[in-house]
Amino acid sequence: MKRAGVASAMVLGLLSACKNPVGSRYEPDDAAQERGLLAINEAGCAACHEIPGVAWPKGRLGPSLEGFDDVGMIAGQLPNRPDLLAAFIRNAPAVKRDSTMPATPITQLEAVDIAAYLYGLDHD
């Protein structure tokens, strides 16, 4: 009986790390998405990442950000939530200690807008 309790706890723990159901996805507003694309271009995010909507460059050092809204975990470790994504975009090493992504010279609002752009990619 003890094993069943441990197994149940493990399953619940794994499920709590999963992405929210489709109906509860973050829906960014158009203005934030537009500002996010501008911030992506100004910060040079595409030097490392392939980003839909950015024609050039198409970076290969970091992962492609196409379909980001469907990614279950940010950097394979963090729950995919707007607040965590914005924090990660702005200062990845502070959010995930072993991250190879450097801190970026952007404001908090720019990070929020970049997150909005990435979450809106599948909703256009």
PDB file of N, CA and C in Angstrom:
ATOM      1  N   MET A   1       0.820  -1.204   0.000  1.00  0.00           N
ATOM      2  CA  MET A   1       0.000   0.000   0.000  1.00  0.00           C
ATOM      3  C   MET A   1       0.861   1.264   0.000  1.00  0.00           C
ATOM      4  N   LYS A   2       2.022   1.180   0.669  1.00  0.00           N
ATOM      5  CA  LYS A   2       2.907   2.317   0.716  1.00  0.00           C
ATOM      6  C   LYS A   2       3.444   2.660  -0.675  1.00  0.00           C
ATOM      7  N   ARG A   3       3.732   1.632  -1.487  1.00  0.00           N
ATOM      8  CA  ARG A   3       4.233   1.840  -2.841  1.00  0.00           C
ATOM      9  C   ARG A   3       3.208   2.579  -3.702  1.00  0.00           C
ATOM     10  N   ALA A   4       1.960   2.250  -3.543  1.00  0.00           N
ATOM     11  CA  ALA A   4       0.913   2.905  -4.327  1.00  0.00           C
ATOM     12  C   ALA A   4       0.863   4.396  -4.008  1.00  0.00           C
ATOM     13  N   GLY A   5       1.042   4.755  -2.757  1.00  0.00           N
ATOM     14  CA  GLY A   5       1.042   6.161  -2.359  1.00  0.00           C
ATOM     15  C   GLY A   5       2.226   6.905  -2.944  1.00  0.00           C
ATOM     16  N   VAL A   6       3.385   6.271  -2.926  1.00  0.00           N
ATOM     17  CA  VAL A   6       4.578   6.885  -3.506  1.00  0.00           C
ATOM     18  C   VAL A   6       4.406   7.047  -5.014  1.00  0.00           C
ATOM     19  N   ALA A   7       3.890   6.004  -5.669  1.00  0.00           N
ATOM     20  CA  ALA A   7       3.669   6.072  -7.111  1.00  0.00           C
ATOM     21  C   ALA A   7       2.666   7.174  -7.456  1.00  0.00           C
ATOM     22  N   SER A   8       1.615   7.291  -6.688  1.00  0.00           N
ATOM     23  CA  SER A   8       0.617   8.339  -6.935  1.00  0.00           C
ATOM     24  C   SER A   8       1.231   9.724  -6.775  1.00  0.00           C
ATOM     25  N   ALA A   9       2.050   9.883  -5.758  1.00  0.00           N
ATOM     26  CA  ALA A   9       2.699  11.168  -5.528  1.00  0.00           C
ATOM     27  C   ALA A   9       3.631  11.514  -6.684  1.00  0.00           C
ATOM     28  N   MET A  10       4.328  10.519  -7.207  1.00  0.00           N
ATOM     29  CA  MET A  10       5.235  10.758  -8.337  1.00  0.00           C
ATOM     30  C   MET A  10       4.457  11.170  -9.583  1.00  0.00           C
ATOM     31  N   VAL A  11       3.351  10.490  -9.847  1.00  0.00           N
ATOM     32  CA  VAL A  11       2.537  10.816 -11.018  1.00  0.00           C
ATOM     33  C   VAL A  11       1.974  12.228 -10.883  1.00  0.00           C
ATOM     34  N   LEU A  12       1.482  12.579  -9.718  1.00  0.00           N
ATOM     35  CA  LEU A  12       0.953  13.925  -9.506  1.00  0.00           C
ATOM     36  C   LEU A  12       2.042  14.975  -9.678  1.00  0.00           C
ATOM     37  N   GLY A  13       3.235  14.674  -9.198  1.00  0.00           N
ATOM     38  CA  GLY A  13       4.352  15.596  -9.350  1.00  0.00           C
ATOM     39  C   GLY A  13       4.702  15.818 -10.810  1.00  0.00           C
ATOM     40  N   LEU A  14       4.718  14.752 -11.580  1.00  0.00           N
ATOM     41  CA  LEU A  14       5.009  14.871 -13.006  1.00  0.00           C
ATOM     42  C   LEU A  14       3.914  15.649 -13.729  1.00  0.00           C
ATOM     43  N   LEU A  15       2.677  15.384 -13.398  1.00  0.00           N
ATOM     44  CA  LEU A  15       1.565  16.084 -14.042  1.00  0.00           C
ATOM     45  C   LEU A  15       1.570  17.573 -13.721  1.00  0.00           C
ATOM     46  N   SER A  16       1.987  17.931 -12.526  1.00  0.00           N
ATOM     47  CA  SER A  16       1.993  19.346 -12.157  1.00  0.00           C
ATOM     48  C   SER A  16       3.055  20.120 -12.924  1.00  0.00           C
ATOM     49  N   ALA A  17       4.054  19.423 -13.472  1.00  0.00           N
ATOM     50  CA  ALA A  17       5.083  20.082 -14.267  1.00  0.00           C
ATOM     51  C   ALA A  17       4.666  20.270 -15.717  1.00  0.00           C
ATOM     52  N   CYS A  18       3.571  19.647 -16.113  1.00  0.00           N
ATOM     53  CA  CYS A  18       3.129  19.726 -17.510  1.00  0.00           C
ATOM     54  C   CYS A  18       2.518  21.087 -17.816  1.00  0.00           C
ATOM     55  N   LYS A  19       2.487  21.401 -19.083  1.00  0.00           N
ATOM     56  CA  LYS A  19       1.897  22.650 -19.564  1.00  0.00           C
ATOM     57  C   LYS A  19       0.391  22.646 -19.327  1.00  0.00           C
ATOM     58  N   ASN A  20      -0.162  23.805 -19.132  1.00  0.00           N
ATOM     59  CA  ASN A  20      -1.600  23.929 -18.934  1.00  0.00           C
ATOM     60  C   ASN A  20      -2.347  23.456 -20.169  1.00  0.00           C
ATOM     61  N   PRO A  21      -3.588  23.032 -20.022  1.00  0.00           N
ATOM     62  CA  PRO A  21      -4.380  22.618 -21.180  1.00  0.00           C
ATOM     63  C   PRO A  21      -4.542  23.755 -22.183  1.00  0.00           C
ATOM     64  N   VAL A  22      -4.834  23.410 -23.405  1.00  0.00           N
ATOM     65  CA  VAL A  22      -4.932  24.377 -24.489  1.00  0.00           C
ATOM     66  C   VAL A  22      -5.856  25.536 -24.144  1.00  0.00           C
ATOM     67  N   GLY A  23      -6.955  25.285 -23.507  1.00  0.00           N
ATOM     68  CA  GLY A  23      -7.924  26.328 -23.203  1.00  0.00           C
ATOM     69  C   GLY A  23      -7.412  27.403 -22.275  1.00  0.00           C
ATOM     70  N   SER A  24      -6.339  27.143 -21.545  1.00  0.00           N
ATOM     71  CA  SER A  24      -5.856  28.131 -20.581  1.00  0.00           C
ATOM     72  C   SER A  24      -4.538  28.752 -21.014  1.00  0.00           C
ATOM     73  N   ARG A  25      -4.171  28.648 -22.288  1.00  0.00           N
ATOM     74  CA  ARG A  25      -2.930  29.239 -22.770  1.00  0.00           C
ATOM     75  C   ARG A  25      -2.962  30.751 -22.649  1.00  0.00           C
ATOM     76  N   TYR A  26      -1.793  31.298 -22.497  1.00  0.00           N
ATOM     77  CA  TYR A  26      -1.620  32.748 -22.427  1.00  0.00           C
ATOM     78  C   TYR A  26      -1.924  33.353 -23.789  1.00  0.00           C
ATOM     79  N   GLU A  27      -2.766  34.354 -23.841  1.00  0.00           N
ATOM     80  CA  GLU A  27      -3.153  35.023 -25.080  1.00  0.00           C
ATOM     81  C   GLU A  27      -2.670  36.472 -25.022  1.00  0.00           C
ATOM     82  N   PRO A  28      -1.492  36.760 -25.596  1.00  0.00           N
ATOM     83  CA  PRO A  28      -0.964  38.124 -25.539  1.00  0.00           C
ATOM     84  C   PRO A  28      -1.718  39.076 -26.451  1.00  0.00           C
ATOM     85  N   ASP A  29      -1.662  40.371 -26.115  1.00  0.00           N
ATOM     86  CA  ASP A  29      -2.337  41.351 -26.964  1.00  0.00           C
ATOM     87  C   ASP A  29      -1.425  41.760 -28.126  1.00  0.00           C
ATOM     88  N   ASP A  30      -2.030  42.253 -29.184  1.00  0.00           N
ATOM     89  CA  ASP A  30      -1.312  42.583 -30.419  1.00  0.00           C
ATOM     90  C   ASP A  30      -0.227  43.637 -30.201  1.00  0.00           C
ATOM     91  N   ALA A  31      -0.505  44.643 -29.409  1.00  0.00           N
ATOM     92  CA  ALA A  31       0.476  45.713 -29.192  1.00  0.00           C
ATOM     93  C   ALA A  31       1.726  45.175 -28.506  1.00  0.00           C
ATOM     94  N   ALA A  32       1.542  44.306 -27.520  1.00  0.00           N
ATOM     95  CA  ALA A  32       2.692  43.703 -26.833  1.00  0.00           C
ATOM     96  C   ALA A  32       3.502  42.849 -27.796  1.00  0.00           C
ATOM     97  N   GLN A  33       2.819  42.125 -28.672  1.00  0.00           N
ATOM     98  CA  GLN A  33       3.521  41.304 -29.656  1.00  0.00           C
ATOM     99  C   GLN A  33       4.338  42.168 -30.613  1.00  0.00           C
ATOM    100  N   GLU A  34       3.771  43.273 -31.064  1.00  0.00           N
ATOM    101  CA  GLU A  34       4.498  44.179 -31.967  1.00  0.00           C
ATOM    102  C   GLU A  34       5.731  44.755 -31.282  1.00  0.00           C
ATOM    103  N   ARG A  35       5.566  45.187 -30.036  1.00  0.00           N
ATOM    104  CA  ARG A  35       6.717  45.706 -29.285  1.00  0.00           C
ATOM    105  C   ARG A  35       7.751  44.601 -29.068  1.00  0.00           C
ATOM    106  N   GLY A  36       7.271  43.376 -28.849  1.00  0.00           N
ATOM    107  CA  GLY A  36       8.177  42.248 -28.635  1.00  0.00           C
ATOM    108  C   GLY A  36       9.041  41.964 -29.844  1.00  0.00           C
ATOM    109  N   LEU A  37       8.461  42.014 -31.038  1.00  0.00           N
ATOM    110  CA  LEU A  37       9.237  41.783 -32.253  1.00  0.00           C
ATOM    111  C   LEU A  37      10.287  42.886 -32.431  1.00  0.00           C
ATOM    112  N   LEU A  38       9.914  44.122 -32.131  1.00  0.00           N
ATOM    113  CA  LEU A  38      10.889  45.219 -32.195  1.00  0.00           C
ATOM    114  C   LEU A  38      12.033  44.983 -31.209  1.00  0.00           C
ATOM    115  N   ALA A  39      11.705  44.577 -29.995  1.00  0.00           N
ATOM    116  CA  ALA A  39      12.728  44.325 -28.977  1.00  0.00           C
ATOM    117  C   ALA A  39      13.622  43.152 -29.373  1.00  0.00           C
ATOM    118  N   ILE A  40      13.043  42.118 -29.980  1.00  0.00           N
ATOM    119  CA  ILE A  40      13.824  40.968 -30.455  1.00  0.00           C
ATOM    120  C   ILE A  40      14.853  41.439 -31.478  1.00  0.00           C
ATOM    121  N   ASN A  41      14.420  42.271 -32.411  1.00  0.00           N
ATOM    122  CA  ASN A  41      15.332  42.774 -33.434  1.00  0.00           C
ATOM    123  C   ASN A  41      16.401  43.691 -32.848  1.00  0.00           C
ATOM    124  N   GLU A  42      16.015  44.569 -31.930  1.00  0.00           N
ATOM    125  CA  GLU A  42      16.972  45.495 -31.314  1.00  0.00           C
ATOM    126  C   GLU A  42      17.986  44.770 -30.439  1.00  0.00           C
ATOM    127  N   ALA A  43      17.558  43.751 -29.734  1.00  0.00           N
ATOM    128  CA  ALA A  43      18.453  43.014 -28.840  1.00  0.00           C
ATOM    129  C   ALA A  43      19.316  42.001 -29.595  1.00  0.00           C
ATOM    130  N   GLY A  44      18.935  41.683 -30.823  1.00  0.00           N
ATOM    131  CA  GLY A  44      19.726  40.742 -31.611  1.00  0.00           C
ATOM    132  C   GLY A  44      19.508  39.283 -31.226  1.00  0.00           C
ATOM    133  N   CYS A  45      18.321  38.964 -30.745  1.00  0.00           N
ATOM    134  CA  CYS A  45      18.020  37.593 -30.304  1.00  0.00           C
ATOM    135  C   CYS A  45      18.214  36.555 -31.413  1.00  0.00           C
ATOM    136  N   ALA A  46      17.972  36.978 -32.670  1.00  0.00           N
ATOM    137  CA  ALA A  46      18.073  36.044 -33.792  1.00  0.00           C
ATOM    138  C   ALA A  46      19.512  35.693 -34.141  1.00  0.00           C
ATOM    139  N   ALA A  47      20.475  36.334 -33.514  1.00  0.00           N
ATOM    140  CA  ALA A  47      21.861  35.934 -33.717  1.00  0.00           C
ATOM    141  C   ALA A  47      22.095  34.534 -33.157  1.00  0.00           C
ATOM    142  N   CYS A  48      21.331  34.174 -32.144  1.00  0.00           N
ATOM    143  CA  CYS A  48      21.469  32.847 -31.533  1.00  0.00           C
ATOM    144  C   CYS A  48      20.283  31.929 -31.794  1.00  0.00           C
ATOM    145  N   HIS A  49      19.104  32.492 -32.021  1.00  0.00           N
ATOM    146  CA  HIS A  49      17.873  31.710 -32.167  1.00  0.00           C
ATOM    147  C   HIS A  49      17.226  31.925 -33.530  1.00  0.00           C
ATOM    148  N   GLU A  50      16.657  30.873 -34.089  1.00  0.00           N
ATOM    149  CA  GLU A  50      15.789  31.009 -35.246  1.00  0.00           C
ATOM    150  C   GLU A  50      14.428  31.423 -34.705  1.00  0.00           C
ATOM    151  N   ILE A  51      13.928  32.561 -35.190  1.00  0.00           N
ATOM    152  CA  ILE A  51      12.692  33.130 -34.661  1.00  0.00           C
ATOM    153  C   ILE A  51      11.741  33.436 -35.812  1.00  0.00           C
ATOM    154  N   PRO A  52      10.571  32.830 -35.822  1.00  0.00           N
ATOM    155  CA  PRO A  52       9.592  33.161 -36.865  1.00  0.00           C
ATOM    156  C   PRO A  52       9.301  34.658 -36.866  1.00  0.00           C
ATOM    157  N   GLY A  53       9.233  35.223 -38.068  1.00  0.00           N
ATOM    158  CA  GLY A  53       8.987  36.654 -38.188  1.00  0.00           C
ATOM    159  C   GLY A  53      10.269  37.459 -38.318  1.00  0.00           C
ATOM    160  N   VAL A  54      11.409  36.835 -38.081  1.00  0.00           N
ATOM    161  CA  VAL A  54      12.702  37.495 -38.243  1.00  0.00           C
ATOM    162  C   VAL A  54      13.382  36.822 -39.434  1.00  0.00           C
ATOM    163  N   ALA A  55      13.544  37.577 -40.513  1.00  0.00           N
ATOM    164  CA  ALA A  55      14.087  37.001 -41.743  1.00  0.00           C
ATOM    165  C   ALA A  55      15.579  36.683 -41.640  1.00  0.00           C
ATOM    166  N   TRP A  56      16.328  37.550 -40.960  1.00  0.00           N
ATOM    167  CA  TRP A  56      17.764  37.350 -40.850  1.00  0.00           C
ATOM    168  C   TRP A  56      18.264  38.030 -39.602  1.00  0.00           C
ATOM    169  N   PRO A  57      19.207  37.500 -38.889  1.00  0.00           N
ATOM    170  CA  PRO A  57      19.845  36.206 -39.120  1.00  0.00           C
ATOM    171  C   PRO A  57      18.975  35.068 -38.622  1.00  0.00           C
ATOM    172  N   LYS A  58      19.388  33.872 -38.871  1.00  0.00           N
ATOM    173  CA  LYS A  58      18.697  32.681 -38.371  1.00  0.00           C
ATOM    174  C   LYS A  58      19.711  31.904 -37.541  1.00  0.00           C
ATOM    175  N   GLY A  59      19.870  32.333 -36.302  1.00  0.00           N
ATOM    176  CA  GLY A  59      20.868  31.748 -35.419  1.00  0.00           C
ATOM    177  C   GLY A  59      20.644  30.265 -35.174  1.00  0.00           C
ATOM    178  N   ARG A  60      21.735  29.573 -34.943  1.00  0.00           N
ATOM    179  CA  ARG A  60      21.683  28.135 -34.684  1.00  0.00           C
ATOM    180  C   ARG A  60      22.338  27.766 -33.354  1.00  0.00           C
ATOM    181  N   LEU A  61      22.884  28.746 -32.670  1.00  0.00           N
ATOM    182  CA  LEU A  61      23.554  28.460 -31.400  1.00  0.00           C
ATOM    183  C   LEU A  61      22.546  28.026 -30.330  1.00  0.00           C
ATOM    184  N   GLY A  62      21.435  28.748 -30.251  1.00  0.00           N
ATOM    185  CA  GLY A  62      20.369  28.400 -29.308  1.00  0.00           C
ATOM    186  C   GLY A  62      19.267  27.660 -30.042  1.00  0.00           C
ATOM    187  N   PRO A  63      18.279  27.179 -29.323  1.00  0.00           N
ATOM    188  CA  PRO A  63      17.189  26.436 -29.972  1.00  0.00           C
ATOM    189  C   PRO A  63      16.297  27.349 -30.822  1.00  0.00           C
ATOM    190  N   SER A  64      15.665  26.751 -31.815  1.00  0.00           N
ATOM    191  CA  SER A  64      14.657  27.463 -32.593  1.00  0.00           C
ATOM    192  C   SER A  64      13.501  27.808 -31.660  1.00  0.00           C
ATOM    193  N   LEU A  65      12.935  28.975 -31.841  1.00  0.00           N
ATOM    194  CA  LEU A  65      11.813  29.390 -31.001  1.00  0.00           C
ATOM    195  C   LEU A  65      10.477  29.249 -31.716  1.00  0.00           C
ATOM    196  N   GLU A  66      10.493  28.588 -32.863  1.00  0.00           N
ATOM    197  CA  GLU A  66       9.249  28.313 -33.581  1.00  0.00           C
ATOM    198  C   GLU A  66       8.374  27.396 -32.732  1.00  0.00           C
ATOM    199  N   GLY A  67       7.098  27.729 -32.643  1.00  0.00           N
ATOM    200  CA  GLY A  67       6.166  26.920 -31.862  1.00  0.00           C
ATOM    201  C   GLY A  67       6.433  26.973 -30.363  1.00  0.00           C
ATOM    202  N   PHE A  68       7.007  28.087 -29.892  1.00  0.00           N
ATOM    203  CA  PHE A  68       7.388  28.172 -28.478  1.00  0.00           C
ATOM    204  C   PHE A  68       6.219  27.925 -27.536  1.00  0.00           C
ATOM    205  N   ASP A  69       5.039  28.343 -27.918  1.00  0.00           N
ATOM    206  CA  ASP A  69       3.858  28.177 -27.057  1.00  0.00           C
ATOM    207  C   ASP A  69       3.584  26.705 -26.730  1.00  0.00           C
ATOM    208  N   ASP A  70       4.065  25.809 -27.582  1.00  0.00           N
ATOM    209  CA  ASP A  70       3.833  24.382 -27.346  1.00  0.00           C
ATOM    210  C   ASP A  70       4.948  23.701 -26.569  1.00  0.00           C
ATOM    211  N   VAL A  71       5.984  24.444 -26.221  1.00  0.00           N
ATOM    212  CA  VAL A  71       7.091  23.874 -25.454  1.00  0.00           C
ATOM    213  C   VAL A  71       6.620  23.651 -24.021  1.00  0.00           C
ATOM    214  N   GLY A  72       6.856  22.476 -23.513  1.00  0.00           N
ATOM    215  CA  GLY A  72       6.402  22.160 -22.155  1.00  0.00           C
ATOM    216  C   GLY A  72       7.192  22.853 -21.060  1.00  0.00           C
ATOM    217  N   MET A  73       8.508  22.962 -21.245  1.00  0.00           N
ATOM    218  CA  MET A  73       9.367  23.542 -20.217  1.00  0.00           C
ATOM    219  C   MET A  73      10.316  24.551 -20.863  1.00  0.00           C
ATOM    220  N   ILE A  74      10.586  25.620 -20.180  1.00  0.00           N
ATOM    221  CA  ILE A  74      11.564  26.604 -20.633  1.00  0.00           C
ATOM    222  C   ILE A  74      12.940  26.059 -20.286  1.00  0.00           C
ATOM    223  N   ALA A  75      13.817  26.016 -21.264  1.00  0.00           N
ATOM    224  CA  ALA A  75      15.183  25.517 -21.082  1.00  0.00           C
ATOM    225  C   ALA A  75      15.188  24.111 -20.475  1.00  0.00           C
ATOM    226  N   GLY A  76      14.142  23.363 -20.744  1.00  0.00           N
ATOM    227  CA  GLY A  76      14.064  21.984 -20.275  1.00  0.00           C
ATOM    228  C   GLY A  76      13.866  21.820 -18.786  1.00  0.00           C
ATOM    229  N   GLN A  77      13.632  22.916 -18.074  1.00  0.00           N
ATOM    230  CA  GLN A  77      13.584  22.816 -16.614  1.00  0.00           C
ATOM    231  C   GLN A  77      12.527  23.674 -15.932  1.00  0.00           C
ATOM    232  N   LEU A  78      12.145  24.772 -16.543  1.00  0.00           N
ATOM    233  CA  LEU A  78      11.240  25.723 -15.889  1.00  0.00           C
ATOM    234  C   LEU A  78       9.837  25.628 -16.475  1.00  0.00           C
ATOM    235  N   PRO A  79       8.807  25.708 -15.648  1.00  0.00           N
ATOM    236  CA  PRO A  79       7.442  25.699 -16.176  1.00  0.00           C
ATOM    237  C   PRO A  79       7.261  26.828 -17.191  1.00  0.00           C
ATOM    238  N   ASN A  80       6.574  26.546 -18.275  1.00  0.00           N
ATOM    239  CA  ASN A  80       6.380  27.517 -19.347  1.00  0.00           C
ATOM    240  C   ASN A  80       5.266  28.487 -18.966  1.00  0.00           C
ATOM    241  N   ARG A  81       5.671  29.548 -18.261  1.00  0.00           N
ATOM    242  CA  ARG A  81       4.743  30.594 -17.823  1.00  0.00           C
ATOM    243  C   ARG A  81       5.296  31.952 -18.241  1.00  0.00           C
ATOM    244  N   PRO A  82       4.429  32.907 -18.545  1.00  0.00           N
ATOM    245  CA  PRO A  82       4.894  34.224 -18.983  1.00  0.00           C
ATOM    246  C   PRO A  82       5.868  34.903 -18.023  1.00  0.00           C
ATOM    247  N   ASP A  83       5.615  34.850 -16.727  1.00  0.00           N
ATOM    248  CA  ASP A  83       6.505  35.524 -15.780  1.00  0.00           C
ATOM    249  C   ASP A  83       7.888  34.887 -15.768  1.00  0.00           C
ATOM    250  N   LEU A  84       7.948  33.560 -15.815  1.00  0.00           N
ATOM    251  CA  LEU A  84       9.243  32.879 -15.827  1.00  0.00           C
ATOM    252  C   LEU A  84       9.970  33.088 -17.151  1.00  0.00           C
ATOM    253  N   LEU A  85       9.221  33.095 -18.248  1.00  0.00           N
ATOM    254  CA  LEU A  85       9.853  33.323 -19.537  1.00  0.00           C
ATOM    255  C   LEU A  85      10.466  34.719 -19.599  1.00  0.00           C
ATOM    256  N   ALA A  86       9.735  35.731 -19.164  1.00  0.00           N
ATOM    257  CA  ALA A  86      10.276  37.095 -19.176  1.00  0.00           C
ATOM    258  C   ALA A  86      11.533  37.197 -18.308  1.00  0.00           C
ATOM    259  N   ALA A  87      11.501  36.589 -17.137  1.00  0.00           N
ATOM    260  CA  ALA A  87      12.673  36.609 -16.259  1.00  0.00           C
ATOM    261  C   ALA A  87      13.847  35.883 -16.912  1.00  0.00           C
ATOM    262  N   PHE A  88      13.571  34.751 -17.551  1.00  0.00           N
ATOM    263  CA  PHE A  88      14.616  33.976 -18.219  1.00  0.00           C
ATOM    264  C   PHE A  88      15.201  34.760 -19.395  1.00  0.00           C
ATOM    265  N   ILE A  89      14.363  35.392 -20.180  1.00  0.00           N
ATOM    266  CA  ILE A  89      14.834  36.172 -21.324  1.00  0.00           C
ATOM    267  C   ILE A  89      15.760  37.292 -20.858  1.00  0.00           C
ATOM    268  N   ARG A  90      15.400  37.935 -19.787  1.00  0.00           N
ATOM    269  CA  ARG A  90      16.174  39.082 -19.308  1.00  0.00           C
ATOM    270  C   ARG A  90      17.476  38.662 -18.644  1.00  0.00           C
ATOM    271  N   ASN A  91      17.440  37.613 -17.826  1.00  0.00           N
ATOM    272  CA  ASN A  91      18.646  37.195 -17.103  1.00  0.00           C
ATOM    273  C   ASN A  91      18.609  35.694 -16.865  1.00  0.00           C
ATOM    274  N   ALA A  92      18.852  34.938 -17.909  1.00  0.00           N
ATOM    275  CA  ALA A  92      18.774  33.475 -17.837  1.00  0.00           C
ATOM    276  C   ALA A  92      19.643  32.876 -16.727  1.00  0.00           C
ATOM    277  N   PRO A  93      20.900  33.314 -16.539  1.00  0.00           N
ATOM    278  CA  PRO A  93      21.713  32.704 -15.488  1.00  0.00           C
ATOM    279  C   PRO A  93      21.153  32.903 -14.075  1.00  0.00           C
ATOM    280  N   ALA A  94      20.402  33.975 -13.859  1.00  0.00           N
ATOM    281  CA  ALA A  94      19.808  34.202 -12.539  1.00  0.00           C
ATOM    282  C   ALA A  94      18.617  33.287 -12.298  1.00  0.00           C
ATOM    283  N   VAL A  95      17.965  32.856 -13.379  1.00  0.00           N
ATOM    284  CA  VAL A  95      16.779  32.008 -13.260  1.00  0.00           C
ATOM    285  C   VAL A  95      17.146  30.530 -13.308  1.00  0.00           C
ATOM    286  N   LYS A  96      18.118  30.208 -14.142  1.00  0.00           N
ATOM    287  CA  LYS A  96      18.592  28.823 -14.279  1.00  0.00           C
ATOM    288  C   LYS A  96      20.113  28.874 -14.243  1.00  0.00           C
ATOM    289  N   ARG A  97      20.663  28.524 -13.124  1.00  0.00           N
ATOM    290  CA  ARG A  97      22.082  28.718 -12.840  1.00  0.00           C
ATOM    291  C   ARG A  97      23.018  28.213 -13.946  1.00  0.00           C
ATOM    292  N   ASP A  98      22.755  27.063 -14.511  1.00  0.00           N
ATOM    293  CA  ASP A  98      23.660  26.476 -15.509  1.00  0.00           C
ATOM    294  C   ASP A  98      23.300  26.849 -16.946  1.00  0.00           C
ATOM    295  N   SER A  99      22.514  27.887 -17.133  1.00  0.00           N
ATOM    296  CA  SER A  99      22.102  28.299 -18.472  1.00  0.00           C
ATOM    297  C   SER A  99      23.289  28.814 -19.272  1.00  0.00           C
ATOM    298  N   THR A 100      23.319  28.457 -20.547  1.00  0.00           N
ATOM    299  CA  THR A 100      24.353  28.988 -21.434  1.00  0.00           C
ATOM    300  C   THR A 100      23.903  30.291 -22.085  1.00  0.00           C
ATOM    301  N   MET A 101      22.635  30.642 -21.932  1.00  0.00           N
ATOM    302  CA  MET A 101      22.141  31.911 -22.475  1.00  0.00           C
ATOM    303  C   MET A 101      22.583  33.045 -21.551  1.00  0.00           C
ATOM    304  N   PRO A 102      23.187  34.081 -22.104  1.00  0.00           N
ATOM    305  CA  PRO A 102      23.645  35.187 -21.257  1.00  0.00           C
ATOM    306  C   PRO A 102      22.493  36.107 -20.850  1.00  0.00           C
ATOM    307  N   ALA A 103      22.745  36.926 -19.853  1.00  0.00           N
ATOM    308  CA  ALA A 103      21.803  37.996 -19.510  1.00  0.00           C
ATOM    309  C   ALA A 103      21.746  38.942 -20.704  1.00  0.00           C
ATOM    310  N   THR A 104      20.574  39.494 -20.975  1.00  0.00           N
ATOM    311  CA  THR A 104      20.426  40.385 -22.116  1.00  0.00           C
ATOM    312  C   THR A 104      20.194  41.819 -21.645  1.00  0.00           C
ATOM    313  N   PRO A 105      20.697  42.782 -22.386  1.00  0.00           N
ATOM    314  CA  PRO A 105      20.572  44.195 -21.989  1.00  0.00           C
ATOM    315  C   PRO A 105      19.219  44.775 -22.403  1.00  0.00           C
ATOM    316  N   ILE A 106      18.157  44.268 -21.794  1.00  0.00           N
ATOM    317  CA  ILE A 106      16.807  44.751 -22.086  1.00  0.00           C
ATOM    318  C   ILE A 106      16.104  45.089 -20.784  1.00  0.00           C
ATOM    319  N   THR A 107      15.047  45.867 -20.892  1.00  0.00           N
ATOM    320  CA  THR A 107      14.267  46.231 -19.716  1.00  0.00           C
ATOM    321  C   THR A 107      13.286  45.105 -19.369  1.00  0.00           C
ATOM    322  N   GLN A 108      12.695  45.214 -18.211  1.00  0.00           N
ATOM    323  CA  GLN A 108      11.677  44.245 -17.805  1.00  0.00           C
ATOM    324  C   GLN A 108      10.491  44.273 -18.769  1.00  0.00           C
ATOM    325  N   LEU A 109      10.060  45.455 -19.164  1.00  0.00           N
ATOM    326  CA  LEU A 109       8.938  45.576 -20.099  1.00  0.00           C
ATOM    327  C   LEU A 109       9.283  44.950 -21.448  1.00  0.00           C
ATOM    328  N   GLU A 110      10.502  45.161 -21.928  1.00  0.00           N
ATOM    329  CA  GLU A 110      10.913  44.539 -23.190  1.00  0.00           C
ATOM    330  C   GLU A 110      10.891  43.012 -23.068  1.00  0.00           C
ATOM    331  N   ALA A 111      11.329  42.491 -21.937  1.00  0.00           N
ATOM    332  CA  ALA A 111      11.309  41.039 -21.723  1.00  0.00           C
ATOM    333  C   ALA A 111       9.877  40.505 -21.727  1.00  0.00           C
ATOM    334  N   VAL A 112       8.963  41.233 -21.108  1.00  0.00           N
ATOM    335  CA  VAL A 112       7.542  40.850 -21.097  1.00  0.00           C
ATOM    336  C   VAL A 112       6.980  40.877 -22.523  1.00  0.00           C
ATOM    337  N   ASP A 113       7.358  41.892 -23.285  1.00  0.00           N
ATOM    338  CA  ASP A 113       6.878  41.998 -24.665  1.00  0.00           C
ATOM    339  C   ASP A 113       7.467  40.893 -25.551  1.00  0.00           C
ATOM    340  N   ILE A 114       8.734  40.564 -25.356  1.00  0.00           N
ATOM    341  CA  ILE A 114       9.342  39.462 -26.119  1.00  0.00           C
ATOM    342  C   ILE A 114       8.626  38.160 -25.800  1.00  0.00           C
ATOM    343  N   ALA A 115       8.324  37.939 -24.526  1.00  0.00           N
ATOM    344  CA  ALA A 115       7.565  36.747 -24.138  1.00  0.00           C
ATOM    345  C   ALA A 115       6.205  36.742 -24.832  1.00  0.00           C
ATOM    346  N   ALA A 116       5.553  37.903 -24.874  1.00  0.00           N
ATOM    347  CA  ALA A 116       4.249  38.002 -25.534  1.00  0.00           C
ATOM    348  C   ALA A 116       4.373  37.634 -27.014  1.00  0.00           C
ATOM    349  N   TYR A 117       5.438  38.099 -27.651  1.00  0.00           N
ATOM    350  CA  TYR A 117       5.638  37.762 -29.062  1.00  0.00           C
ATOM    351  C   TYR A 117       5.780  36.244 -29.230  1.00  0.00           C
ATOM    352  N   LEU A 118       6.600  35.640 -28.399  1.00  0.00           N
ATOM    353  CA  LEU A 118       6.829  34.199 -28.524  1.00  0.00           C
ATOM    354  C   LEU A 118       5.553  33.396 -28.250  1.00  0.00           C
ATOM    355  N   TYR A 119       4.779  33.811 -27.266  1.00  0.00           N
ATOM    356  CA  TYR A 119       3.522  33.108 -26.973  1.00  0.00           C
ATOM    357  C   TYR A 119       2.480  33.338 -28.067  1.00  0.00           C
ATOM    358  N   GLY A 120       2.576  34.437 -28.778  1.00  0.00           N
ATOM    359  CA  GLY A 120       1.600  34.742 -29.813  1.00  0.00           C
ATOM    360  C   GLY A 120       1.905  34.117 -31.160  1.00  0.00           C
ATOM    361  N   LEU A 121       3.036  33.481 -31.316  1.00  0.00           N
ATOM    362  CA  LEU A 121       3.407  32.919 -32.614  1.00  0.00           C
ATOM    363  C   LEU A 121       2.385  31.952 -33.162  1.00  0.00           C
ATOM    364  N   ASP A 122       1.808  31.137 -32.314  1.00  0.00           N
ATOM    365  CA  ASP A 122       0.832  30.139 -32.769  1.00  0.00           C
ATOM    366  C   ASP A 122      -0.568  30.707 -32.888  1.00  0.00           C
ATOM    367  N   HIS A 123      -0.763  31.949 -32.510  1.00  0.00           N
ATOM    368  CA  HIS A 123      -2.116  32.521 -32.468  1.00  0.00           C
ATOM    369  C   HIS A 123      -2.360  33.523 -33.580  1.00  0.00           C
ATOM    370  N   ASP A 124      -1.389  33.699 -34.471  1.00  0.00           N
ATOM    371  CA  ASP A 124      -1.552  34.671 -35.555  1.00  0.00           C
ATOM    372  C   ASP A 124      -2.433  34.142 -36.644  1.00  0.00           C
TER     373      ASP A 124
END
